[in-house]
C-alpha atoms as a PDB file:
ATOM      1  CA  MET A   1       6.413   4.246  22.584  1.00  0.00           C
ATOM      2  CA  ARG A   2       7.283   3.515  18.958  1.00  0.00           C
ATOM      3  CA  TYR A   3       5.365   0.219  19.217  1.00  0.00           C
ATOM      4  CA  ARG A   4       2.021   1.975  18.780  1.00  0.00           C
ATOM      5  CA  PHE A   5       3.120   2.947  15.281  1.00  0.00           C
ATOM      6  CA  TYR A   6       4.199  -0.622  14.507  1.00  0.00           C
ATOM      7  CA  LEU A   7       0.749  -1.670  15.704  1.00  0.00           C
ATOM      8  CA  LEU A   8      -0.730   0.611  13.041  1.00  0.00           C
ATOM      9  CA  THR A   9       1.528  -1.041  10.438  1.00  0.00           C
ATOM     10  CA  PHE A  10       0.281  -4.441  11.580  1.00  0.00           C
ATOM     11  CA  LEU A  11      -3.364  -3.275  11.446  1.00  0.00           C
ATOM     12  CA  VAL A  12      -3.000  -2.052   7.847  1.00  0.00           C
ATOM     13  CA  PHE A  13      -1.279  -5.323   6.923  1.00  0.00           C
ATOM     14  CA  VAL A  14      -4.043  -7.459   8.514  1.00  0.00           C
ATOM     15  CA  VAL A  15      -6.933  -5.471   7.001  1.00  0.00           C
ATOM     16  CA  ASP A  16      -5.240  -5.604   3.590  1.00  0.00           C
ATOM     17  CA  HIS A  17      -4.792  -9.366   3.688  1.00  0.00           C
ATOM     18  CA  TRP A  18      -8.211 -10.005   5.188  1.00  0.00           C
ATOM     19  CA  THR A  19      -9.946  -8.065   2.390  1.00  0.00           C
ATOM     20  CA  LYS A  20      -7.827  -9.773  -0.294  1.00  0.00           C
ATOM     21  CA  TRP A  21      -8.622 -13.166   1.232  1.00  0.00           C
ATOM     22  CA  ILE A  22     -12.360 -12.410   1.129  1.00  0.00           C
ATOM     23  CA  VAL A  23     -12.122 -11.471  -2.553  1.00  0.00           C
ATOM     24  CA  ARG A  24      -9.944 -14.495  -3.471  1.00  0.00           C
ATOM     25  CA  THR A  25     -12.174 -16.998  -1.674  1.00  0.00           C
ATOM     26  CA  ARG A  26     -15.604 -15.621  -2.596  1.00  0.00           C
ATOM     27  CA  MET A  27     -15.163 -14.378  -6.143  1.00  0.00           C
ATOM     28  CA  ASP A  28     -13.920 -15.812  -9.400  1.00  0.00           C
ATOM     29  CA  LEU A  29     -11.161 -14.003 -11.237  1.00  0.00           C
ATOM     30  CA  HIS A  30     -12.536 -11.029 -13.228  1.00  0.00           C
ATOM     31  CA  ASP A  31     -15.941 -11.200 -11.513  1.00  0.00           C
ATOM     32  CA  HIS A  32     -17.351  -7.943 -10.209  1.00  0.00           C
ATOM     33  CA  ILE A  33     -20.056  -6.749  -7.848  1.00  0.00           C
ATOM     34  CA  GLU A  34     -21.627  -3.333  -8.314  1.00  0.00           C
ATOM     35  CA  VAL A  35     -21.564  -1.549  -4.956  1.00  0.00           C
ATOM     36  CA  ILE A  36     -22.613   1.904  -6.164  1.00  0.00           C
ATOM     37  CA  PRO A  37     -23.851   1.570  -9.753  1.00  0.00           C
ATOM     38  CA  ASN A  38     -21.832   3.652 -12.244  1.00  0.00           C
ATOM     39  CA  TYR A  39     -19.263   4.614  -9.556  1.00  0.00           C
ATOM     40  CA  LEU A  40     -17.867   1.754  -7.447  1.00  0.00           C
ATOM     41  CA  ARG A  41     -17.552  -1.972  -7.883  1.00  0.00           C
ATOM     42  CA  ILE A  42     -15.599  -4.805  -6.330  1.00  0.00           C
ATOM     43  CA  SER A  43     -13.667  -6.553  -9.115  1.00  0.00           C
ATOM     44  CA  TYR A  44     -11.235  -9.409  -8.618  1.00  0.00           C
ATOM     45  CA  VAL A  45      -8.100  -8.847 -10.691  1.00  0.00           C
ATOM     46  CA  ARG A  46      -4.513  -9.977 -10.372  1.00  0.00           C
ATOM     47  CA  ASN A  47      -1.833  -7.333 -10.728  1.00  0.00           C
ATOM     48  CA  SER A  48       1.734  -8.298 -11.556  1.00  0.00           C
ATOM     49  CA  GLY A  49       2.834  -4.660 -11.527  1.00  0.00           C
ATOM     50  CA  VAL A  50       2.983  -2.138  -8.710  1.00  0.00           C
ATOM     51  CA  ALA A  51       0.343   0.164  -7.226  1.00  0.00           C
ATOM     52  CA  PHE A  52      -2.572   0.969  -9.549  1.00  0.00           C
ATOM     53  CA  GLY A  53      -1.274  -1.447 -12.207  1.00  0.00           C
ATOM     54  CA  LEU A  54       1.876   0.497 -13.050  1.00  0.00           C
ATOM     55  CA  PHE A  55       4.467  -1.634 -14.906  1.00  0.00           C
ATOM     56  CA  GLU A  56       1.978  -4.498 -15.308  1.00  0.00           C
ATOM     57  CA  GLN A  57       2.549  -4.591 -19.067  1.00  0.00           C
ATOM     58  CA  ILE A  58       6.305  -5.096 -18.701  1.00  0.00           C
ATOM     59  CA  GLN A  59       7.200  -8.732 -19.301  1.00  0.00           C
ATOM     60  CA  SER A  60      10.568  -9.775 -17.905  1.00  0.00           C
ATOM     61  CA  VAL A  61      11.870 -12.656 -15.833  1.00  0.00           C
ATOM     62  CA  TRP A  62      13.557 -10.012 -13.666  1.00  0.00           C
ATOM     63  CA  LYS A  63      10.393  -8.027 -12.882  1.00  0.00           C
ATOM     64  CA  PRO A  64       9.346  -9.976  -9.741  1.00  0.00           C
ATOM     65  CA  TYR A  65      12.867  -9.749  -8.336  1.00  0.00           C
ATOM     66  CA  LEU A  66      13.163  -6.044  -9.134  1.00  0.00           C
ATOM     67  CA  LEU A  67       9.782  -5.282  -7.536  1.00  0.00           C
ATOM     68  CA  ALA A  68      10.667  -7.351  -4.461  1.00  0.00           C
ATOM     69  CA  ALA A  69      14.041  -5.591  -4.168  1.00  0.00           C
ATOM     70  CA  MET A  70      12.319  -2.188  -4.417  1.00  0.00           C
ATOM     71  CA  ALA A  71       9.937  -3.193  -1.624  1.00  0.00           C
ATOM     72  CA  VAL A  72      12.776  -4.422   0.606  1.00  0.00           C
ATOM     73  CA  ILE A  73      14.720  -1.193   0.051  1.00  0.00           C
ATOM     74  CA  ALA A  74      11.615   0.887   0.799  1.00  0.00           C
ATOM     75  CA  VAL A  75      10.977  -1.069   4.020  1.00  0.00           C
ATOM     76  CA  ILE A  76      14.573  -0.557   5.171  1.00  0.00           C
ATOM     77  CA  VAL A  77      14.501   3.172   4.366  1.00  0.00           C
ATOM     78  CA  ILE A  78      11.180   3.659   6.170  1.00  0.00           C
ATOM     79  CA  VAL A  79      12.241   1.733   9.290  1.00  0.00           C
ATOM     80  CA  VAL A  80      15.606   3.521   9.511  1.00  0.00           C
ATOM     81  CA  TYR A  81      13.980   6.921   8.975  1.00  0.00           C
ATOM     82  CA  SER A  82      11.285   6.154  11.548  1.00  0.00           C
ATOM     83  CA  VAL A  83      13.866   5.138  14.150  1.00  0.00           C
ATOM     84  CA  ARG A  84      15.949   8.251  13.491  1.00  0.00           C
ATOM     85  CA  MET A  85      12.995  10.601  13.870  1.00  0.00           C
ATOM     86  CA  SER A  86      11.367  11.577  17.133  1.00  0.00           C
ATOM     87  CA  THR A  87       8.173   9.804  18.177  1.00  0.00           C
ATOM     88  CA  ASP A  88       6.862  13.291  19.002  1.00  0.00           C
ATOM     89  CA  ARG A  89       6.415  13.746  15.241  1.00  0.00           C
ATOM     90  CA  THR A  90       3.161  11.811  15.376  1.00  0.00           C
ATOM     91  CA  LEU A  91       1.983  12.695  11.868  1.00  0.00           C
ATOM     92  CA  LEU A  92       5.317  11.608  10.394  1.00  0.00           C
ATOM     93  CA  GLN A  93       5.335   8.340  12.347  1.00  0.00           C
ATOM     94  CA  VAL A  94       1.727   7.582  11.338  1.00  0.00           C
ATOM     95  CA  ALA A  95       2.581   8.340   7.698  1.00  0.00           C
ATOM     96  CA  LEU A  96       5.555   5.986   7.802  1.00  0.00           C
ATOM     97  CA  ALA A  97       3.602   3.259   9.629  1.00  0.00           C
ATOM     98  CA  VAL A  98       0.676   3.327   7.197  1.00  0.00           C
ATOM     99  CA  THR A  99       3.002   3.350   4.170  1.00  0.00           C
ATOM    100  CA  LEU A 100       5.010   0.477   5.636  1.00  0.00           C
ATOM    101  CA  GLY A 101       1.845  -1.583   6.212  1.00  0.00           C
ATOM    102  CA  GLY A 102       0.822  -1.098   2.590  1.00  0.00           C
ATOM    103  CA  ILE A 103       4.244  -1.983   1.210  1.00  0.00           C
ATOM    104  CA  LEU A 104       4.415  -5.120   3.358  1.00  0.00           C
ATOM    105  CA  GLY A 105       0.879  -6.121   2.317  1.00  0.00           C
ATOM    106  CA  ASN A 106       1.619  -6.016  -1.399  1.00  0.00           C
ATOM    107  CA  PHE A 107       5.122  -7.452  -0.931  1.00  0.00           C
ATOM    108  CA  THR A 108       3.690 -10.479   0.877  1.00  0.00           C
ATOM    109  CA  ASP A 109       1.151 -11.018  -1.918  1.00  0.00           C
ATOM    110  CA  ARG A 110       3.917 -10.843  -4.489  1.00  0.00           C
ATOM    111  CA  ILE A 111       6.041 -13.411  -2.620  1.00  0.00           C
ATOM    112  CA  VAL A 112       3.190 -15.822  -1.780  1.00  0.00           C
ATOM    113  CA  HIS A 113       1.037 -15.602  -4.915  1.00  0.00           C
ATOM    114  CA  LYS A 114       3.397 -14.065  -7.517  1.00  0.00           C
ATOM    115  CA  PHE A 115       0.780 -11.327  -8.043  1.00  0.00           C
ATOM    116  CA  VAL A 116      -1.133  -8.754  -6.011  1.00  0.00           C
ATOM    117  CA  VAL A 117      -4.887  -9.022  -5.542  1.00  0.00           C
ATOM    118  CA  ASP A 118      -6.653  -5.780  -6.524  1.00  0.00           C
ATOM    119  CA  PHE A 119     -10.381  -5.338  -6.116  1.00  0.00           C
ATOM    120  CA  ILE A 120     -11.521  -1.722  -5.601  1.00  0.00           C
ATOM    121  CA  GLU A 121     -12.658  -0.256  -8.891  1.00  0.00           C
ATOM    122  CA  LEU A 122     -13.703   3.386  -9.121  1.00  0.00           C
ATOM    123  CA  HIS A 123     -15.319   4.640 -12.285  1.00  0.00           C
ATOM    124  CA  PHE A 124     -17.675   7.344 -13.475  1.00  0.00           C
ATOM    125  CA  GLN A 125     -20.165   5.622 -15.727  1.00  0.00           C
ATOM    126  CA  ASP A 126     -18.206   4.656 -18.847  1.00  0.00           C
ATOM    127  CA  ARG A 127     -16.303   7.955 -19.077  1.00  0.00           C
ATOM    128  CA  PHE A 128     -13.633   7.570 -16.425  1.00  0.00           C
ATOM    129  CA  HIS A 129     -12.000   4.513 -14.928  1.00  0.00           C
ATOM    130  CA  TRP A 130      -9.354   4.573 -12.192  1.00  0.00           C
ATOM    131  CA  PRO A 131      -7.031   1.532 -12.166  1.00  0.00           C
ATOM    132  CA  THR A 132      -8.233  -1.186  -9.793  1.00  0.00           C
ATOM    133  CA  PHE A 133      -6.475  -1.070  -6.418  1.00  0.00           C
ATOM    134  CA  ASN A 134      -6.534  -2.535  -2.900  1.00  0.00           C
ATOM    135  CA  VAL A 135      -6.219  -1.533   0.760  1.00  0.00           C
ATOM    136  CA  ALA A 136      -2.405  -1.632   0.592  1.00  0.00           C
ATOM    137  CA  ASP A 137      -2.348   0.750  -2.385  1.00  0.00           C
ATOM    138  CA  SER A 138      -4.710   3.067  -0.502  1.00  0.00           C
ATOM    139  CA  ALA A 139      -2.504   2.933   2.600  1.00  0.00           C
ATOM    140  CA  ILE A 140       0.607   3.772   0.568  1.00  0.00           C
ATOM    141  CA  THR A 141      -1.187   6.703  -1.065  1.00  0.00           C
ATOM    142  CA  VAL A 142      -2.555   8.020   2.243  1.00  0.00           C
ATOM    143  CA  GLY A 143       0.831   7.515   3.921  1.00  0.00           C
ATOM    144  CA  ILE A 144       2.643   9.507   1.244  1.00  0.00           C
ATOM    145  CA  ALA A 145       0.021  12.272   1.428  1.00  0.00           C
ATOM    146  CA  LEU A 146       0.493  12.426   5.215  1.00  0.00           C
ATOM    147  CA  LEU A 147       4.262  12.470   4.727  1.00  0.00           C
ATOM    148  CA  LEU A 148       3.933  15.452   2.388  1.00  0.00           C
ATOM    149  CA  LEU A 149       1.641  17.185   4.888  1.00  0.00           C
ATOM    150  CA  ASP A 150       4.178  16.585   7.650  1.00  0.00           C
ATOM    151  CA  THR A 151       6.937  17.970   5.425  1.00  0.00           C
ATOM    152  CA  VAL A 152       4.943  21.169   4.933  1.00  0.00           C
ATOM    153  CA  LYS A 153       4.243  21.428   8.682  1.00  0.00           C
ATOM    154  CA  ASN A 154       7.848  20.618   9.698  1.00  0.00           C
ATOM    155  CA  PRO A 155      10.174  21.687   6.868  1.00  0.00           C
ATOM    156  CA  GLU A 156      13.350  20.853   8.793  1.00  0.00           C
ATOM    157  CA  PRO A 157      13.825  17.254   9.972  1.00  0.00           C
ATOM    158  CA  GLN A 158      14.124  16.897  13.726  1.00  0.00           C
ATOM    159  CA  GLU A 159      16.268  13.841  14.366  1.00  0.00           C
ATOM    160  CA  LYS A 160      16.122  12.480  17.871  1.00  0.00           C
ATOM    161  CA  GLU A 161      19.117  13.035  20.045  1.00  0.00           C
ATOM    162  CA  LEU A 162      21.438  10.039  20.095  1.00  0.00           C
ATOM    163  CA  ALA A 163      23.159  10.583  23.416  1.00  0.00           C
END
């Protein structure tokens, strides 16, 4: 039954790459399209950091390898944790699946393009600007929020019986 959660991971991965492909093939770098004036625009940027542009300013030959290693470790931890936990913990499994899809989406970008395509730009007129992000970043954020919610609902982990 665990396959339904892997299907969710695959769905997040596909939607992430499909939206990035649309932006890469239909927009020039740094172009933007106002969707909701003064609040939301689609902007094509390339991010060499992690989610929401963190660590983008760090310049090191080791940065791509370090970020890739972090992603691989996160994938391993998530898969092992998912397998160890009961599929009856639906919220937990959904949280892990969505997070995994986001990590794999950005990891693939980093390997294939050497950068991550970001394009969702939230802002409030000229007063507030959230760092540009993508579907994978959103999935990671939602997945972690769901994981925290599951932790509050189920404070003690319920590992499946290995008999």
